[in-house]
Amino acid sequence: METTPAASPTAHNGGSSRTIRTVLIVGIVLAVVSAVLLAVVLGLDAFTAAVYSVGGKSIDDSTPEAAALRDQYLGAKIASIVGLVVGGVFLVGPLVVMYLNRGRSGDDGDDLSFDELAGE
């Protein structure tokens, strides 16, 4: 008995569905990692400000020491915010594409029986 290969659900669009899902996963991971990094950096920044203010000093002073403490985590804050934005784009973009292509799966709606799946 000769069997013909079944058409894959991604055959209609040249496999772009797999790429879209990969970009979606990358967006989710990037957004989560960036959010965790931002939370850690903001916590460290608050802790540094609290420790600095124990001696009666203010982190809002115009002294070079206070300015250095304020700018200590600036690079990490900017990187995590950029990561959140890029992750958000990588998250929303594929969702829009998947939503617009939701009815084009190439499936005719027929269900296969166990015998057909087993090749009998």
C-alpha atoms as a PDB file:
ATOM      1  CA  MET A   1       0.000   0.000   0.000  1.00  0.00           C
ATOM      2  CA  GLU A   2       1.410   3.346  -0.991  1.00  0.00           C
ATOM      3  CA  THR A   3       0.820   6.305   1.236  1.00  0.00           C
ATOM      4  CA  THR A   4       1.041   9.911   0.265  1.00  0.00           C
ATOM      5  CA  PRO A   5       2.543  12.387   2.688  1.00  0.00           C
ATOM      6  CA  ALA A   6      -0.015  14.583   4.337  1.00  0.00           C
ATOM      7  CA  ALA A   7       0.281  18.284   3.828  1.00  0.00           C
ATOM      8  CA  SER A   8       1.685  20.000   6.862  1.00  0.00           C
ATOM      9  CA  PRO A   9      -0.263  22.887   8.398  1.00  0.00           C
ATOM     10  CA  THR A  10       2.574  25.206   7.443  1.00  0.00           C
ATOM     11  CA  ALA A  11       2.683  24.126   3.789  1.00  0.00           C
ATOM     12  CA  HIS A  12       0.365  26.930   2.680  1.00  0.00           C
ATOM     13  CA  ASN A  13       2.758  29.702   3.634  1.00  0.00           C
ATOM     14  CA  GLY A  14       6.150  28.169   2.985  1.00  0.00           C
ATOM     15  CA  GLY A  15       6.944  27.415   6.620  1.00  0.00           C
ATOM     16  CA  SER A  16       6.637  30.977   7.824  1.00  0.00           C
ATOM     17  CA  SER A  17       4.397  29.828  10.647  1.00  0.00           C
ATOM     18  CA  ARG A  18       7.394  28.164  12.286  1.00  0.00           C
ATOM     19  CA  THR A  19       9.411  31.374  11.943  1.00  0.00           C
ATOM     20  CA  ILE A  20       6.588  33.448  13.368  1.00  0.00           C
ATOM     21  CA  ARG A  21       6.305  31.161  16.377  1.00  0.00           C
ATOM     22  CA  THR A  22      10.065  31.311  16.913  1.00  0.00           C
ATOM     23  CA  VAL A  23      10.024  35.113  16.863  1.00  0.00           C
ATOM     24  CA  LEU A  24       7.097  35.042  19.292  1.00  0.00           C
ATOM     25  CA  ILE A  25       9.041  32.836  21.720  1.00  0.00           C
ATOM     26  CA  VAL A  26      12.126  35.055  21.410  1.00  0.00           C
ATOM     27  CA  GLY A  27       9.940  38.087  22.159  1.00  0.00           C
ATOM     28  CA  ILE A  28       8.474  36.466  25.253  1.00  0.00           C
ATOM     29  CA  VAL A  29      11.890  35.429  26.580  1.00  0.00           C
ATOM     30  CA  LEU A  30      13.423  38.844  25.858  1.00  0.00           C
ATOM     31  CA  ALA A  31      10.542  40.695  27.521  1.00  0.00           C
ATOM     32  CA  VAL A  32      10.647  38.496  30.632  1.00  0.00           C
ATOM     33  CA  VAL A  33      14.432  38.695  31.004  1.00  0.00           C
ATOM     34  CA  SER A  34      14.367  42.471  30.505  1.00  0.00           C
ATOM     35  CA  ALA A  35      11.569  42.896  33.038  1.00  0.00           C
ATOM     36  CA  VAL A  36      13.479  40.843  35.621  1.00  0.00           C
ATOM     37  CA  LEU A  37      16.650  42.826  34.933  1.00  0.00           C
ATOM     38  CA  LEU A  38      14.785  46.109  35.317  1.00  0.00           C
ATOM     39  CA  ALA A  39      13.236  44.970  38.601  1.00  0.00           C
ATOM     40  CA  VAL A  40      16.635  43.930  39.978  1.00  0.00           C
ATOM     41  CA  VAL A  41      18.299  47.160  38.882  1.00  0.00           C
ATOM     42  CA  LEU A  42      15.532  49.313  40.356  1.00  0.00           C
ATOM     43  CA  GLY A  43      15.775  47.364  43.607  1.00  0.00           C
ATOM     44  CA  LEU A  44      19.540  47.835  43.738  1.00  0.00           C
ATOM     45  CA  ASP A  45      19.137  51.524  42.955  1.00  0.00           C
ATOM     46  CA  ALA A  46      16.630  51.959  45.777  1.00  0.00           C
ATOM     47  CA  PHE A  47      18.874  50.040  48.162  1.00  0.00           C
ATOM     48  CA  THR A  48      21.864  52.209  47.230  1.00  0.00           C
ATOM     49  CA  ALA A  49      19.826  55.368  47.781  1.00  0.00           C
ATOM     50  CA  ALA A  50      18.602  54.101  51.152  1.00  0.00           C
ATOM     51  CA  VAL A  51      22.108  53.209  52.311  1.00  0.00           C
ATOM     52  CA  TYR A  52      23.445  56.578  51.143  1.00  0.00           C
ATOM     53  CA  SER A  53      20.718  58.461  52.987  1.00  0.00           C
ATOM     54  CA  VAL A  54      21.413  56.714  56.327  1.00  0.00           C
ATOM     55  CA  GLY A  55      24.209  59.193  57.039  1.00  0.00           C
ATOM     56  CA  GLY A  56      21.830  62.132  56.657  1.00  0.00           C
ATOM     57  CA  LYS A  57      22.758  62.768  53.028  1.00  0.00           C
ATOM     58  CA  SER A  58      20.240  62.997  50.212  1.00  0.00           C
ATOM     59  CA  ILE A  59      20.557  61.198  46.904  1.00  0.00           C
ATOM     60  CA  ASP A  60      19.029  64.288  45.257  1.00  0.00           C
ATOM     61  CA  ASP A  61      21.939  66.532  46.283  1.00  0.00           C
ATOM     62  CA  SER A  62      23.995  68.218  43.598  1.00  0.00           C
ATOM     63  CA  THR A  63      27.255  66.730  44.900  1.00  0.00           C
ATOM     64  CA  PRO A  64      29.398  64.631  42.546  1.00  0.00           C
ATOM     65  CA  GLU A  65      29.036  61.644  44.865  1.00  0.00           C
ATOM     66  CA  ALA A  66      25.220  61.767  44.754  1.00  0.00           C
ATOM     67  CA  ALA A  67      25.270  62.270  40.977  1.00  0.00           C
ATOM     68  CA  ALA A  68      27.560  59.249  40.586  1.00  0.00           C
ATOM     69  CA  LEU A  69      25.193  57.117  42.678  1.00  0.00           C
ATOM     70  CA  ARG A  70      22.177  58.263  40.649  1.00  0.00           C
ATOM     71  CA  ASP A  71      23.932  57.379  37.390  1.00  0.00           C
ATOM     72  CA  GLN A  72      25.417  54.119  38.647  1.00  0.00           C
ATOM     73  CA  TYR A  73      22.807  51.818  37.060  1.00  0.00           C
ATOM     74  CA  LEU A  74      21.827  54.074  34.166  1.00  0.00           C
ATOM     75  CA  GLY A  75      23.259  51.788  31.476  1.00  0.00           C
ATOM     76  CA  ALA A  76      21.472  48.736  32.843  1.00  0.00           C
ATOM     77  CA  LYS A  77      18.189  50.678  33.096  1.00  0.00           C
ATOM     78  CA  ILE A  78      18.437  51.845  29.494  1.00  0.00           C
ATOM     79  CA  ALA A  79      19.380  48.367  28.255  1.00  0.00           C
ATOM     80  CA  SER A  80      16.469  46.732  30.069  1.00  0.00           C
ATOM     81  CA  ILE A  81      13.984  49.310  28.789  1.00  0.00           C
ATOM     82  CA  VAL A  82      15.263  48.849  25.224  1.00  0.00           C
ATOM     83  CA  GLY A  83      15.008  45.077  25.746  1.00  0.00           C
ATOM     84  CA  LEU A  84      11.414  45.472  26.901  1.00  0.00           C
ATOM     85  CA  VAL A  85      10.524  47.536  23.841  1.00  0.00           C
ATOM     86  CA  VAL A  86      12.226  45.130  21.398  1.00  0.00           C
ATOM     87  CA  GLY A  87      10.683  42.143  23.202  1.00  0.00           C
ATOM     88  CA  GLY A  88       7.289  43.822  22.999  1.00  0.00           C
ATOM     89  CA  VAL A  89       7.671  44.353  19.261  1.00  0.00           C
ATOM     90  CA  PHE A  90       8.793  40.739  18.832  1.00  0.00           C
ATOM     91  CA  LEU A  91       5.789  39.723  20.907  1.00  0.00           C
ATOM     92  CA  VAL A  92       3.060  41.837  19.319  1.00  0.00           C
ATOM     93  CA  GLY A  93       4.242  41.571  15.688  1.00  0.00           C
ATOM     94  CA  PRO A  94       3.897  37.787  15.378  1.00  0.00           C
ATOM     95  CA  LEU A  95       0.609  37.864  17.271  1.00  0.00           C
ATOM     96  CA  VAL A  96      -0.801  40.283  14.702  1.00  0.00           C
ATOM     97  CA  VAL A  97       0.475  38.147  11.823  1.00  0.00           C
ATOM     98  CA  MET A  98      -0.940  34.986  13.405  1.00  0.00           C
ATOM     99  CA  TYR A  99      -4.272  36.715  13.969  1.00  0.00           C
ATOM    100  CA  LEU A 100      -4.466  37.906  10.371  1.00  0.00           C
ATOM    101  CA  ASN A 101      -3.630  34.406   9.067  1.00  0.00           C
ATOM    102  CA  ARG A 102      -5.866  32.504  11.487  1.00  0.00           C
ATOM    103  CA  GLY A 103      -8.290  31.111   8.881  1.00  0.00           C
ATOM    104  CA  ARG A 104      -5.700  30.039   6.321  1.00  0.00           C
ATOM    105  CA  SER A 105      -4.500  26.753   7.731  1.00  0.00           C
ATOM    106  CA  GLY A 106      -5.112  24.760   4.560  1.00  0.00           C
ATOM    107  CA  ASP A 107      -7.097  22.223   6.574  1.00  0.00           C
ATOM    108  CA  ASP A 108     -10.201  20.911   4.831  1.00  0.00           C
ATOM    109  CA  GLY A 109     -11.861  20.114   8.153  1.00  0.00           C
ATOM    110  CA  ASP A 110     -11.926  16.326   7.690  1.00  0.00           C
ATOM    111  CA  ASP A 111     -10.855  14.343  10.706  1.00  0.00           C
ATOM    112  CA  LEU A 112      -8.689  11.294  10.239  1.00  0.00           C
ATOM    113  CA  SER A 113      -9.522   7.976  11.858  1.00  0.00           C
ATOM    114  CA  PHE A 114      -6.991   5.897  13.765  1.00  0.00           C
ATOM    115  CA  ASP A 115      -6.688   3.466  10.847  1.00  0.00           C
ATOM    116  CA  GLU A 116      -5.852   6.294   8.447  1.00  0.00           C
ATOM    117  CA  LEU A 117      -3.249   7.658  10.851  1.00  0.00           C
ATOM    118  CA  ALA A 118      -1.726   4.200  11.356  1.00  0.00           C
ATOM    119  CA  GLY A 119      -1.497   3.689   7.583  1.00  0.00           C
ATOM    120  CA  GLU A 120      -3.810   0.696   7.429  1.00  0.00           C
END
